[in-house]
PDB file of N, CA and C in Angstrom:
ATOM      1  N   MET A   1     -18.059   8.425   3.848  1.00  0.00           N
ATOM      2  CA  MET A   1     -16.990   8.835   4.744  1.00  0.00           C
ATOM      3  C   MET A   1     -16.203   9.967   4.080  1.00  0.00           C
ATOM      4  N   ASP A   2     -16.501  11.165   4.474  1.00  0.00           N
ATOM      5  CA  ASP A   2     -15.845  12.350   3.891  1.00  0.00           C
ATOM      6  C   ASP A   2     -14.505  12.710   4.570  1.00  0.00           C
ATOM      7  N   ASN A   3     -14.238  12.152   5.714  1.00  0.00           N
ATOM      8  CA  ASN A   3     -13.079  12.570   6.465  1.00  0.00           C
ATOM      9  C   ASN A   3     -11.821  11.661   6.188  1.00  0.00           C
ATOM     10  N   LEU A   4     -11.829  10.940   5.125  1.00  0.00           N
ATOM     11  CA  LEU A   4     -10.698  10.099   4.764  1.00  0.00           C
ATOM     12  C   LEU A   4      -9.550  10.912   4.203  1.00  0.00           C
ATOM     13  N   LYS A   5      -8.329  10.686   4.683  1.00  0.00           N
ATOM     14  CA  LYS A   5      -7.167  11.407   4.247  1.00  0.00           C
ATOM     15  C   LYS A   5      -6.293  10.571   3.326  1.00  0.00           C
ATOM     16  N   LEU A   6      -6.362   9.274   3.469  1.00  0.00           N
ATOM     17  CA  LEU A   6      -5.404   8.383   2.790  1.00  0.00           C
ATOM     18  C   LEU A   6      -6.092   7.476   1.742  1.00  0.00           C
ATOM     19  N   VAL A   7      -7.401   7.349   1.832  1.00  0.00           N
ATOM     20  CA  VAL A   7      -8.098   6.404   0.970  1.00  0.00           C
ATOM     21  C   VAL A   7      -9.130   7.200   0.155  1.00  0.00           C
ATOM     22  N   ASN A   8      -9.112   6.987  -1.134  1.00  0.00           N
ATOM     23  CA  ASN A   8     -10.108   7.576  -2.040  1.00  0.00           C
ATOM     24  C   ASN A   8     -11.169   6.490  -2.264  1.00  0.00           C
ATOM     25  N   LEU A   9     -12.152   6.473  -1.436  1.00  0.00           N
ATOM     26  CA  LEU A   9     -13.179   5.427  -1.448  1.00  0.00           C
ATOM     27  C   LEU A   9     -13.986   5.428  -2.746  1.00  0.00           C
ATOM     28  N   GLU A  10     -14.209   6.669  -3.254  1.00  0.00           N
ATOM     29  CA  GLU A  10     -14.975   6.742  -4.511  1.00  0.00           C
ATOM     30  C   GLU A  10     -14.252   6.042  -5.651  1.00  0.00           C
ATOM     31  N   GLU A  11     -12.956   6.289  -5.764  1.00  0.00           N
ATOM     32  CA  GLU A  11     -12.146   5.619  -6.786  1.00  0.00           C
ATOM     33  C   GLU A  11     -12.107   4.124  -6.555  1.00  0.00           C
ATOM     34  N   ALA A  12     -11.942   3.702  -5.332  1.00  0.00           N
ATOM     35  CA  ALA A  12     -11.866   2.298  -5.002  1.00  0.00           C
ATOM     36  C   ALA A  12     -13.144   1.598  -5.398  1.00  0.00           C
ATOM     37  N   MET A  13     -14.241   2.197  -5.053  1.00  0.00           N
ATOM     38  CA  MET A  13     -15.532   1.602  -5.360  1.00  0.00           C
ATOM     39  C   MET A  13     -15.747   1.532  -6.883  1.00  0.00           C
ATOM     40  N   ALA A  14     -15.282   2.496  -7.596  1.00  0.00           N
ATOM     41  CA  ALA A  14     -15.391   2.522  -9.068  1.00  0.00           C
ATOM     42  C   ALA A  14     -14.605   1.338  -9.643  1.00  0.00           C
ATOM     43  N   ARG A  15     -13.466   1.015  -9.000  1.00  0.00           N
ATOM     44  CA  ARG A  15     -12.636  -0.125  -9.513  1.00  0.00           C
ATOM     45  C   ARG A  15     -13.394  -1.472  -9.361  1.00  0.00           C
ATOM     46  N   VAL A  16     -14.283  -1.518  -8.381  1.00  0.00           N
ATOM     47  CA  VAL A  16     -14.999  -2.771  -8.158  1.00  0.00           C
ATOM     48  C   VAL A  16     -16.479  -2.661  -8.563  1.00  0.00           C
ATOM     49  N   ASP A  17     -16.739  -1.734  -9.484  1.00  0.00           N
ATOM     50  CA  ASP A  17     -18.097  -1.507  -9.983  1.00  0.00           C
ATOM     51  C   ASP A  17     -19.121  -1.274  -8.846  1.00  0.00           C
ATOM     52  N   ASN A  18     -18.647  -0.516  -7.872  1.00  0.00           N
ATOM     53  CA  ASN A  18     -19.526  -0.187  -6.723  1.00  0.00           C
ATOM     54  C   ASN A  18     -20.053  -1.357  -5.962  1.00  0.00           C
ATOM     55  N   ASP A  19     -19.326  -2.466  -6.016  1.00  0.00           N
ATOM     56  CA  ASP A  19     -19.743  -3.691  -5.326  1.00  0.00           C
ATOM     57  C   ASP A  19     -19.138  -3.679  -3.905  1.00  0.00           C
ATOM     58  N   LYS A  20     -19.909  -3.194  -2.942  1.00  0.00           N
ATOM     59  CA  LYS A  20     -19.432  -3.120  -1.565  1.00  0.00           C
ATOM     60  C   LYS A  20     -19.004  -4.448  -0.988  1.00  0.00           C
ATOM     61  N   GLU A  21     -19.715  -5.499  -1.357  1.00  0.00           N
ATOM     62  CA  GLU A  21     -19.355  -6.840  -0.847  1.00  0.00           C
ATOM     63  C   GLU A  21     -17.952  -7.230  -1.368  1.00  0.00           C
ATOM     64  N   LEU A  22     -17.689  -7.010  -2.615  1.00  0.00           N
ATOM     65  CA  LEU A  22     -16.391  -7.310  -3.221  1.00  0.00           C
ATOM     66  C   LEU A  22     -15.281  -6.495  -2.520  1.00  0.00           C
ATOM     67  N   TYR A  23     -15.553  -5.199  -2.355  1.00  0.00           N
ATOM     68  CA  TYR A  23     -14.554  -4.342  -1.704  1.00  0.00           C
ATOM     69  C   TYR A  23     -14.320  -4.796  -0.260  1.00  0.00           C
ATOM     70  N   ASN A  24     -15.359  -5.163   0.426  1.00  0.00           N
ATOM     71  CA  ASN A  24     -15.239  -5.673   1.757  1.00  0.00           C
ATOM     72  C   ASN A  24     -14.392  -6.947   1.782  1.00  0.00           C
ATOM     73  N   ASP A  25     -14.670  -7.822   0.814  1.00  0.00           N
ATOM     74  CA  ASP A  25     -13.883  -9.030   0.703  1.00  0.00           C
ATOM     75  C   ASP A  25     -12.410  -8.795   0.461  1.00  0.00           C
ATOM     76  N   LEU A  26     -12.108  -7.788  -0.359  1.00  0.00           N
ATOM     77  CA  LEU A  26     -10.720  -7.430  -0.615  1.00  0.00           C
ATOM     78  C   LEU A  26     -10.058  -6.907   0.642  1.00  0.00           C
ATOM     79  N   LEU A  27     -10.766  -6.061   1.374  1.00  0.00           N
ATOM     80  CA  LEU A  27     -10.261  -5.598   2.617  1.00  0.00           C
ATOM     81  C   LEU A  27      -9.983  -6.675   3.630  1.00  0.00           C
ATOM     82  N   THR A  28     -10.920  -7.650   3.689  1.00  0.00           N
ATOM     83  CA  THR A  28     -10.750  -8.786   4.591  1.00  0.00           C
ATOM     84  C   THR A  28      -9.488  -9.574   4.236  1.00  0.00           C
ATOM     85  N   MET A  29      -9.306  -9.829   2.967  1.00  0.00           N
ATOM     86  CA  MET A  29      -8.069 -10.540   2.496  1.00  0.00           C
ATOM     87  C   MET A  29      -6.813  -9.708   2.845  1.00  0.00           C
ATOM     88  N   PHE A  30      -6.904  -8.388   2.677  1.00  0.00           N
ATOM     89  CA  PHE A  30      -5.758  -7.502   2.976  1.00  0.00           C
ATOM     90  C   PHE A  30      -5.370  -7.615   4.461  1.00  0.00           C
ATOM     91  N   PHE A  31      -6.378  -7.680   5.336  1.00  0.00           N
ATOM     92  CA  PHE A  31      -6.098  -7.748   6.795  1.00  0.00           C
ATOM     93  C   PHE A  31      -5.736  -9.160   7.241  1.00  0.00           C
ATOM     94  N   GLU A  32      -6.394 -10.141   6.732  1.00  0.00           N
ATOM     95  CA  GLU A  32      -6.230 -11.529   7.263  1.00  0.00           C
ATOM     96  C   GLU A  32      -5.059 -12.260   6.629  1.00  0.00           C
ATOM     97  N   ASP A  33      -4.696 -11.893   5.392  1.00  0.00           N
ATOM     98  CA  ASP A  33      -3.576 -12.573   4.722  1.00  0.00           C
ATOM     99  C   ASP A  33      -2.656 -11.506   4.114  1.00  0.00           C
ATOM    100  N   PRO A  34      -1.968 -10.747   4.998  1.00  0.00           N
ATOM    101  CA  PRO A  34      -1.157  -9.637   4.448  1.00  0.00           C
ATOM    102  C   PRO A  34      -0.008 -10.136   3.601  1.00  0.00           C
ATOM    103  N   GLN A  35       0.072  -9.582   2.398  1.00  0.00           N
ATOM    104  CA  GLN A  35       1.153  -9.921   1.499  1.00  0.00           C
ATOM    105  C   GLN A  35       2.372  -9.014   1.765  1.00  0.00           C
ATOM    106  N   PHE A  36       2.160  -7.940   2.475  1.00  0.00           N
ATOM    107  CA  PHE A  36       3.202  -7.000   2.818  1.00  0.00           C
ATOM    108  C   PHE A  36       3.277  -6.819   4.310  1.00  0.00           C
ATOM    109  N   LYS A  37       4.477  -6.854   4.816  1.00  0.00           N
ATOM    110  CA  LYS A  37       4.721  -6.548   6.221  1.00  0.00           C
ATOM    111  C   LYS A  37       5.905  -5.621   6.290  1.00  0.00           C
ATOM    112  N   PRO A  38       5.756  -4.477   7.004  1.00  0.00           N
ATOM    113  CA  PRO A  38       6.850  -3.519   7.058  1.00  0.00           C
ATOM    114  C   PRO A  38       8.211  -4.142   7.491  1.00  0.00           C
ATOM    115  N   GLU A  39       8.152  -5.100   8.441  1.00  0.00           N
ATOM    116  CA  GLU A  39       9.371  -5.660   8.888  1.00  0.00           C
ATOM    117  C   GLU A  39      10.100  -6.492   7.778  1.00  0.00           C
ATOM    118  N   ASP A  40       9.344  -7.050   6.877  1.00  0.00           N
ATOM    119  CA  ASP A  40       9.928  -7.744   5.725  1.00  0.00           C
ATOM    120  C   ASP A  40      10.692  -6.779   4.803  1.00  0.00           C
ATOM    121  N   LEU A  41      10.090  -5.599   4.559  1.00  0.00           N
ATOM    122  CA  LEU A  41      10.797  -4.611   3.727  1.00  0.00           C
ATOM    123  C   LEU A  41      12.054  -4.106   4.456  1.00  0.00           C
ATOM    124  N   GLU A  42      11.946  -3.883   5.767  1.00  0.00           N
ATOM    125  CA  GLU A  42      13.070  -3.435   6.543  1.00  0.00           C
ATOM    126  C   GLU A  42      14.251  -4.458   6.404  1.00  0.00           C
ATOM    127  N   LYS A  43      13.930  -5.721   6.542  1.00  0.00           N
ATOM    128  CA  LYS A  43      14.933  -6.765   6.493  1.00  0.00           C
ATOM    129  C   LYS A  43      15.568  -6.877   5.113  1.00  0.00           C
ATOM    130  N   LEU A  44      14.734  -6.865   4.092  1.00  0.00           N
ATOM    131  CA  LEU A  44      15.274  -6.996   2.738  1.00  0.00           C
ATOM    132  C   LEU A  44      16.233  -5.850   2.342  1.00  0.00           C
ATOM    133  N   ILE A  45      15.860  -4.668   2.751  1.00  0.00           N
ATOM    134  CA  ILE A  45      16.727  -3.499   2.452  1.00  0.00           C
ATOM    135  C   ILE A  45      17.967  -3.568   3.302  1.00  0.00           C
ATOM    136  N   ALA A  46      17.837  -3.922   4.573  1.00  0.00           N
ATOM    137  CA  ALA A  46      19.011  -4.061   5.439  1.00  0.00           C
ATOM    138  C   ALA A  46      20.013  -5.093   4.902  1.00  0.00           C
ATOM    139  N   GLU A  47      19.480  -6.119   4.266  1.00  0.00           N
ATOM    140  CA  GLU A  47      20.325  -7.182   3.724  1.00  0.00           C
ATOM    141  C   GLU A  47      20.739  -6.923   2.268  1.00  0.00           C
ATOM    142  N   ASN A  48      20.356  -5.733   1.793  1.00  0.00           N
ATOM    143  CA  ASN A  48      20.642  -5.278   0.435  1.00  0.00           C
ATOM    144  C   ASN A  48      20.072  -6.226  -0.637  1.00  0.00           C
ATOM    145  N   LYS A  49      18.931  -6.799  -0.338  1.00  0.00           N
ATOM    146  CA  LYS A  49      18.203  -7.650  -1.269  1.00  0.00           C
ATOM    147  C   LYS A  49      17.241  -6.755  -2.081  1.00  0.00           C
ATOM    148  N   ILE A  50      17.817  -5.921  -2.924  1.00  0.00           N
ATOM    149  CA  ILE A  50      17.063  -4.888  -3.599  1.00  0.00           C
ATOM    150  C   ILE A  50      16.011  -5.428  -4.539  1.00  0.00           C
ATOM    151  N   GLN A  51      16.344  -6.459  -5.266  1.00  0.00           N
ATOM    152  CA  GLN A  51      15.332  -7.026  -6.227  1.00  0.00           C
ATOM    153  C   GLN A  51      14.151  -7.597  -5.493  1.00  0.00           C
ATOM    154  N   GLU A  52      14.386  -8.282  -4.379  1.00  0.00           N
ATOM    155  CA  GLU A  52      13.282  -8.801  -3.577  1.00  0.00           C
ATOM    156  C   GLU A  52      12.468  -7.683  -2.956  1.00  0.00           C
ATOM    157  N   ALA A  53      13.140  -6.668  -2.512  1.00  0.00           N
ATOM    158  CA  ALA A  53      12.430  -5.504  -1.912  1.00  0.00           C
ATOM    159  C   ALA A  53      11.576  -4.852  -2.979  1.00  0.00           C
ATOM    160  N   GLU A  54      12.094  -4.745  -4.210  1.00  0.00           N
ATOM    161  CA  GLU A  54      11.332  -4.097  -5.251  1.00  0.00           C
ATOM    162  C   GLU A  54      10.063  -4.889  -5.562  1.00  0.00           C
ATOM    163  N   LYS A  55      10.177  -6.212  -5.558  1.00  0.00           N
ATOM    164  CA  LYS A  55       8.988  -7.067  -5.812  1.00  0.00           C
ATOM    165  C   LYS A  55       7.934  -6.878  -4.707  1.00  0.00           C
ATOM    166  N   LEU A  56       8.390  -6.781  -3.465  1.00  0.00           N
ATOM    167  CA  LEU A  56       7.448  -6.539  -2.359  1.00  0.00           C
ATOM    168  C   LEU A  56       6.795  -5.205  -2.432  1.00  0.00           C
ATOM    169  N   VAL A  57       7.538  -4.203  -2.788  1.00  0.00           N
ATOM    170  CA  VAL A  57       6.973  -2.836  -2.940  1.00  0.00           C
ATOM    171  C   VAL A  57       6.029  -2.805  -4.123  1.00  0.00           C
ATOM    172  N   HIS A  58       6.390  -3.493  -5.198  1.00  0.00           N
ATOM    173  CA  HIS A  58       5.510  -3.529  -6.406  1.00  0.00           C
ATOM    174  C   HIS A  58       4.200  -4.185  -6.039  1.00  0.00           C
ATOM    175  N   LEU A  59       4.235  -5.241  -5.286  1.00  0.00           N
ATOM    176  CA  LEU A  59       3.007  -5.942  -4.855  1.00  0.00           C
ATOM    177  C   LEU A  59       2.139  -5.008  -4.018  1.00  0.00           C
ATOM    178  N   LEU A  60       2.734  -4.301  -3.050  1.00  0.00           N
ATOM    179  CA  LEU A  60       1.975  -3.391  -2.236  1.00  0.00           C
ATOM    180  C   LEU A  60       1.400  -2.249  -3.069  1.00  0.00           C
ATOM    181  N   LYS A  61       2.148  -1.795  -4.068  1.00  0.00           N
ATOM    182  CA  LYS A  61       1.624  -0.745  -4.984  1.00  0.00           C
ATOM    183  C   LYS A  61       0.355  -1.177  -5.637  1.00  0.00           C
ATOM    184  N   GLY A  62       0.335  -2.396  -6.136  1.00  0.00           N
ATOM    185  CA  GLY A  62      -0.883  -2.920  -6.775  1.00  0.00           C
ATOM    186  C   GLY A  62      -2.058  -3.039  -5.838  1.00  0.00           C
ATOM    187  N   ILE A  63      -1.791  -3.580  -4.654  1.00  0.00           N
ATOM    188  CA  ILE A  63      -2.859  -3.719  -3.666  1.00  0.00           C
ATOM    189  C   ILE A  63      -3.391  -2.329  -3.260  1.00  0.00           C
ATOM    190  N   SER A  64      -2.493  -1.405  -3.009  1.00  0.00           N
ATOM    191  CA  SER A  64      -2.917  -0.111  -2.529  1.00  0.00           C
ATOM    192  C   SER A  64      -3.681   0.617  -3.634  1.00  0.00           C
ATOM    193  N   GLY A  65      -3.334   0.450  -4.868  1.00  0.00           N
ATOM    194  CA  GLY A  65      -4.109   1.037  -5.957  1.00  0.00           C
ATOM    195  C   GLY A  65      -5.504   0.468  -6.028  1.00  0.00           C
ATOM    196  N   THR A  66      -5.644  -0.809  -5.905  1.00  0.00           N
ATOM    197  CA  THR A  66      -6.928  -1.448  -5.943  1.00  0.00           C
ATOM    198  C   THR A  66      -7.816  -0.972  -4.782  1.00  0.00           C
ATOM    199  N   LEU A  67      -7.236  -0.767  -3.620  1.00  0.00           N
ATOM    200  CA  LEU A  67      -7.998  -0.394  -2.445  1.00  0.00           C
ATOM    201  C   LEU A  67      -8.271   1.104  -2.339  1.00  0.00           C
ATOM    202  N   GLY A  68      -7.680   1.859  -3.289  1.00  0.00           N
ATOM    203  CA  GLY A  68      -7.902   3.346  -3.297  1.00  0.00           C
ATOM    204  C   GLY A  68      -6.975   4.085  -2.340  1.00  0.00           C
ATOM    205  N   ALA A  69      -5.922   3.433  -1.930  1.00  0.00           N
ATOM    206  CA  ALA A  69      -4.957   4.055  -0.967  1.00  0.00           C
ATOM    207  C   ALA A  69      -3.942   4.885  -1.810  1.00  0.00           C
ATOM    208  N   GLU A  70      -4.384   6.039  -2.232  1.00  0.00           N
ATOM    209  CA  GLU A  70      -3.579   6.791  -3.196  1.00  0.00           C
ATOM    210  C   GLU A  70      -2.230   7.285  -2.705  1.00  0.00           C
ATOM    211  N   ARG A  71      -2.156   7.738  -1.466  1.00  0.00           N
ATOM    212  CA  ARG A  71      -0.844   8.230  -0.960  1.00  0.00           C
ATOM    213  C   ARG A  71       0.098   7.104  -0.772  1.00  0.00           C
ATOM    214  N   LEU A  72      -0.383   5.942  -0.318  1.00  0.00           N
ATOM    215  CA  LEU A  72       0.489   4.773  -0.201  1.00  0.00           C
ATOM    216  C   LEU A  72       0.917   4.292  -1.578  1.00  0.00           C
ATOM    217  N   PHE A  73       0.004   4.307  -2.545  1.00  0.00           N
ATOM    218  CA  PHE A  73       0.348   3.939  -3.944  1.00  0.00           C
ATOM    219  C   PHE A  73       1.458   4.857  -4.450  1.00  0.00           C
ATOM    220  N   ASP A  74       1.319   6.125  -4.244  1.00  0.00           N
ATOM    221  CA  ASP A  74       2.324   7.105  -4.758  1.00  0.00           C
ATOM    222  C   ASP A  74       3.681   6.867  -4.093  1.00  0.00           C
ATOM    223  N   ALA A  75       3.698   6.595  -2.775  1.00  0.00           N
ATOM    224  CA  ALA A  75       4.920   6.364  -2.091  1.00  0.00           C
ATOM    225  C   ALA A  75       5.591   5.051  -2.588  1.00  0.00           C
ATOM    226  N   CYS A  76       4.768   4.068  -2.811  1.00  0.00           N
ATOM    227  CA  CYS A  76       5.293   2.787  -3.385  1.00  0.00           C
ATOM    228  C   CYS A  76       5.861   3.046  -4.793  1.00  0.00           C
ATOM    229  N   GLN A  77       5.176   3.838  -5.579  1.00  0.00           N
ATOM    230  CA  GLN A  77       5.684   4.116  -6.903  1.00  0.00           C
ATOM    231  C   GLN A  77       7.065   4.818  -6.883  1.00  0.00           C
ATOM    232  N   ARG A  78       7.216   5.792  -5.970  1.00  0.00           N
ATOM    233  CA  ARG A  78       8.505   6.484  -5.855  1.00  0.00           C
ATOM    234  C   ARG A  78       9.585   5.504  -5.414  1.00  0.00           C
ATOM    235  N   LEU A  79       9.332   4.650  -4.399  1.00  0.00           N
ATOM    236  CA  LEU A  79      10.327   3.721  -3.922  1.00  0.00           C
ATOM    237  C   LEU A  79      10.582   2.656  -4.972  1.00  0.00           C
ATOM    238  N   ASP A  80       9.587   2.204  -5.645  1.00  0.00           N
ATOM    239  CA  ASP A  80       9.719   1.238  -6.734  1.00  0.00           C
ATOM    240  C   ASP A  80      10.690   1.761  -7.787  1.00  0.00           C
ATOM    241  N   ASP A  81      10.484   2.999  -8.192  1.00  0.00           N
ATOM    242  CA  ASP A  81      11.353   3.599  -9.213  1.00  0.00           C
ATOM    243  C   ASP A  81      12.791   3.722  -8.686  1.00  0.00           C
ATOM    244  N   ILE A  82      12.980   4.062  -7.440  1.00  0.00           N
ATOM    245  CA  ILE A  82      14.338   4.141  -6.878  1.00  0.00           C
ATOM    246  C   ILE A  82      14.967   2.753  -6.866  1.00  0.00           C
ATOM    247  N   LEU A  83      14.260   1.769  -6.409  1.00  0.00           N
ATOM    248  CA  LEU A  83      14.795   0.446  -6.332  1.00  0.00           C
ATOM    249  C   LEU A  83      15.122  -0.161  -7.686  1.00  0.00           C
ATOM    250  N   LYS A  84      14.328   0.198  -8.702  1.00  0.00           N
ATOM    251  CA  LYS A  84      14.586  -0.252 -10.087  1.00  0.00           C
ATOM    252  C   LYS A  84      15.687   0.528 -10.736  1.00  0.00           C
ATOM    253  N   GLY A  85      16.140   1.654 -10.138  1.00  0.00           N
ATOM    254  CA  GLY A  85      17.196   2.478 -10.695  1.00  0.00           C
ATOM    255  C   GLY A  85      16.650   3.444 -11.748  1.00  0.00           C
ATOM    256  N   LYS A  86      15.312   3.639 -11.805  1.00  0.00           N
ATOM    257  CA  LYS A  86      14.763   4.565 -12.761  1.00  0.00           C
ATOM    258  C   LYS A  86      14.985   6.014 -12.364  1.00  0.00           C
ATOM    259  N   THR A  87      15.006   6.250 -11.040  1.00  0.00           N
ATOM    260  CA  THR A  87      15.228   7.564 -10.491  1.00  0.00           C
ATOM    261  C   THR A  87      16.234   7.491  -9.351  1.00  0.00           C
ATOM    262  N   GLN A  88      16.845   8.592  -9.028  1.00  0.00           N
ATOM    263  CA  GLN A  88      17.730   8.717  -7.905  1.00  0.00           C
ATOM    264  C   GLN A  88      16.887   8.972  -6.645  1.00  0.00           C
ATOM    265  N   GLY A  89      17.349   8.462  -5.539  1.00  0.00           N
ATOM    266  CA  GLY A  89      16.653   8.742  -4.333  1.00  0.00           C
ATOM    267  C   GLY A  89      17.194   7.991  -3.117  1.00  0.00           C
ATOM    268  N   ASP A  90      16.685   8.296  -1.995  1.00  0.00           N
ATOM    269  CA  ASP A  90      17.124   7.771  -0.725  1.00  0.00           C
ATOM    270  C   ASP A  90      16.316   6.525  -0.385  1.00  0.00           C
ATOM    271  N   ILE A  91      16.869   5.367  -0.510  1.00  0.00           N
ATOM    272  CA  ILE A  91      16.129   4.108  -0.268  1.00  0.00           C
ATOM    273  C   ILE A  91      15.621   4.035   1.162  1.00  0.00           C
ATOM    274  N   PRO A  92      16.469   4.316   2.186  1.00  0.00           N
ATOM    275  CA  PRO A  92      15.952   4.243   3.561  1.00  0.00           C
ATOM    276  C   PRO A  92      14.790   5.241   3.828  1.00  0.00           C
ATOM    277  N   ALA A  93      14.871   6.440   3.276  1.00  0.00           N
ATOM    278  CA  ALA A  93      13.795   7.410   3.465  1.00  0.00           C
ATOM    279  C   ALA A  93      12.535   6.901   2.763  1.00  0.00           C
ATOM    280  N   GLY A  94      12.690   6.383   1.526  1.00  0.00           N
ATOM    281  CA  GLY A  94      11.532   5.855   0.817  1.00  0.00           C
ATOM    282  C   GLY A  94      10.874   4.714   1.564  1.00  0.00           C
ATOM    283  N   LYS A  95      11.702   3.836   2.077  1.00  0.00           N
ATOM    284  CA  LYS A  95      11.192   2.685   2.892  1.00  0.00           C
ATOM    285  C   LYS A  95      10.425   3.170   4.058  1.00  0.00           C
ATOM    286  N   ASP A  96      11.010   4.155   4.770  1.00  0.00           N
ATOM    287  CA  ASP A  96      10.346   4.700   5.961  1.00  0.00           C
ATOM    288  C   ASP A  96       9.005   5.310   5.621  1.00  0.00           C
ATOM    289  N   GLU A  97       8.910   6.014   4.463  1.00  0.00           N
ATOM    290  CA  GLU A  97       7.690   6.672   4.041  1.00  0.00           C
ATOM    291  C   GLU A  97       6.637   5.591   3.722  1.00  0.00           C
ATOM    292  N   VAL A  98       7.034   4.538   2.997  1.00  0.00           N
ATOM    293  CA  VAL A  98       6.120   3.445   2.665  1.00  0.00           C
ATOM    294  C   VAL A  98       5.610   2.768   3.930  1.00  0.00           C
ATOM    295  N   ASN A  99       6.502   2.449   4.837  1.00  0.00           N
ATOM    296  CA  ASN A  99       6.089   1.748   6.075  1.00  0.00           C
ATOM    297  C   ASN A  99       5.191   2.605   6.946  1.00  0.00           C
ATOM    298  N   LYS A 100       5.483   3.895   7.040  1.00  0.00           N
ATOM    299  CA  LYS A 100       4.641   4.803   7.808  1.00  0.00           C
ATOM    300  C   LYS A 100       3.222   4.920   7.188  1.00  0.00           C
ATOM    301  N   LEU A 101       3.181   5.111   5.886  1.00  0.00           N
ATOM    302  CA  LEU A 101       1.896   5.244   5.179  1.00  0.00           C
ATOM    303  C   LEU A 101       1.142   3.889   5.231  1.00  0.00           C
ATOM    304  N   PHE A 102       1.839   2.811   5.168  1.00  0.00           N
ATOM    305  CA  PHE A 102       1.169   1.482   5.222  1.00  0.00           C
ATOM    306  C   PHE A 102       0.447   1.366   6.593  1.00  0.00           C
ATOM    307  N   THR A 103       1.107   1.712   7.677  1.00  0.00           N
ATOM    308  CA  THR A 103       0.523   1.614   9.003  1.00  0.00           C
ATOM    309  C   THR A 103      -0.677   2.560   9.133  1.00  0.00           C
ATOM    310  N   GLU A 104      -0.536   3.795   8.682  1.00  0.00           N
ATOM    311  CA  GLU A 104      -1.617   4.775   8.797  1.00  0.00           C
ATOM    312  C   GLU A 104      -2.781   4.375   7.878  1.00  0.00           C
ATOM    313  N   THR A 105      -2.460   3.876   6.679  1.00  0.00           N
ATOM    314  CA  THR A 105      -3.505   3.531   5.713  1.00  0.00           C
ATOM    315  C   THR A 105      -4.275   2.298   6.226  1.00  0.00           C
ATOM    316  N   THR A 106      -3.572   1.385   6.837  1.00  0.00           N
ATOM    317  CA  THR A 106      -4.196   0.182   7.358  1.00  0.00           C
ATOM    318  C   THR A 106      -5.228   0.582   8.427  1.00  0.00           C
ATOM    319  N   GLU A 107      -4.907   1.499   9.262  1.00  0.00           N
ATOM    320  CA  GLU A 107      -5.870   1.996  10.290  1.00  0.00           C
ATOM    321  C   GLU A 107      -7.061   2.656   9.630  1.00  0.00           C
ATOM    322  N   GLU A 108      -6.839   3.442   8.620  1.00  0.00           N
ATOM    323  CA  GLU A 108      -7.969   4.097   7.925  1.00  0.00           C
ATOM    324  C   GLU A 108      -8.838   3.091   7.207  1.00  0.00           C
ATOM    325  N   LEU A 109      -8.231   2.109   6.604  1.00  0.00           N
ATOM    326  CA  LEU A 109      -8.987   1.029   5.892  1.00  0.00           C
ATOM    327  C   LEU A 109      -9.856   0.222   6.881  1.00  0.00           C
ATOM    328  N   LYS A 110      -9.393   0.063   8.090  1.00  0.00           N
ATOM    329  CA  LYS A 110     -10.203  -0.628   9.108  1.00  0.00           C
ATOM    330  C   LYS A 110     -11.412   0.182   9.413  1.00  0.00           C
ATOM    331  N   LYS A 111     -11.270   1.489   9.492  1.00  0.00           N
ATOM    332  CA  LYS A 111     -12.431   2.344   9.737  1.00  0.00           C
ATOM    333  C   LYS A 111     -13.416   2.293   8.541  1.00  0.00           C
ATOM    334  N   VAL A 112     -12.859   2.221   7.322  1.00  0.00           N
ATOM    335  CA  VAL A 112     -13.725   2.152   6.129  1.00  0.00           C
ATOM    336  C   VAL A 112     -14.486   0.822   6.218  1.00  0.00           C
ATOM    337  N   GLN A 113     -13.805  -0.228   6.502  1.00  0.00           N
ATOM    338  CA  GLN A 113     -14.468  -1.566   6.522  1.00  0.00           C
ATOM    339  C   GLN A 113     -15.597  -1.581   7.555  1.00  0.00           C
ATOM    340  N   ALA A 114     -15.419  -0.887   8.655  1.00  0.00           N
ATOM    341  CA  ALA A 114     -16.413  -0.886   9.709  1.00  0.00           C
ATOM    342  C   ALA A 114     -17.740  -0.240   9.268  1.00  0.00           C
ATOM    343  N   THR A 115     -17.613   0.585   8.200  1.00  0.00           N
ATOM    344  CA  THR A 115     -18.829   1.322   7.716  1.00  0.00           C
ATOM    345  C   THR A 115     -19.512   0.589   6.593  1.00  0.00           C
ATOM    346  N   LEU A 116     -18.893  -0.473   6.068  1.00  0.00           N
ATOM    347  CA  LEU A 116     -19.477  -1.182   4.929  1.00  0.00           C
ATOM    348  C   LEU A 116     -20.600  -2.127   5.339  1.00  0.00           C
TER     349      LEU A 116
END
């Protein structure tokens, strides 16, 4: 799949030793038992539960890295750093970027899974 914009499939496959079955299983778990939901991040930030929001973003960062979702990983890293106070930034804008990329990446990952 050469037309992927959000997922680096080559890197993802390298992480799982080119085991398509394992990668497919990871995608299935990602879709069927989502550990991240955009509405959860919205609520945590609205309630100023920054530490819980940071944990959720950190979890998504790890998952997105494993699946090769590089742009989502980068957005999570930026928001994670803001939430931890490592860098200055706009939390609502970071949240919106993560949620938007999560939705777009999920759609692209569904297309990837359909080709496995």
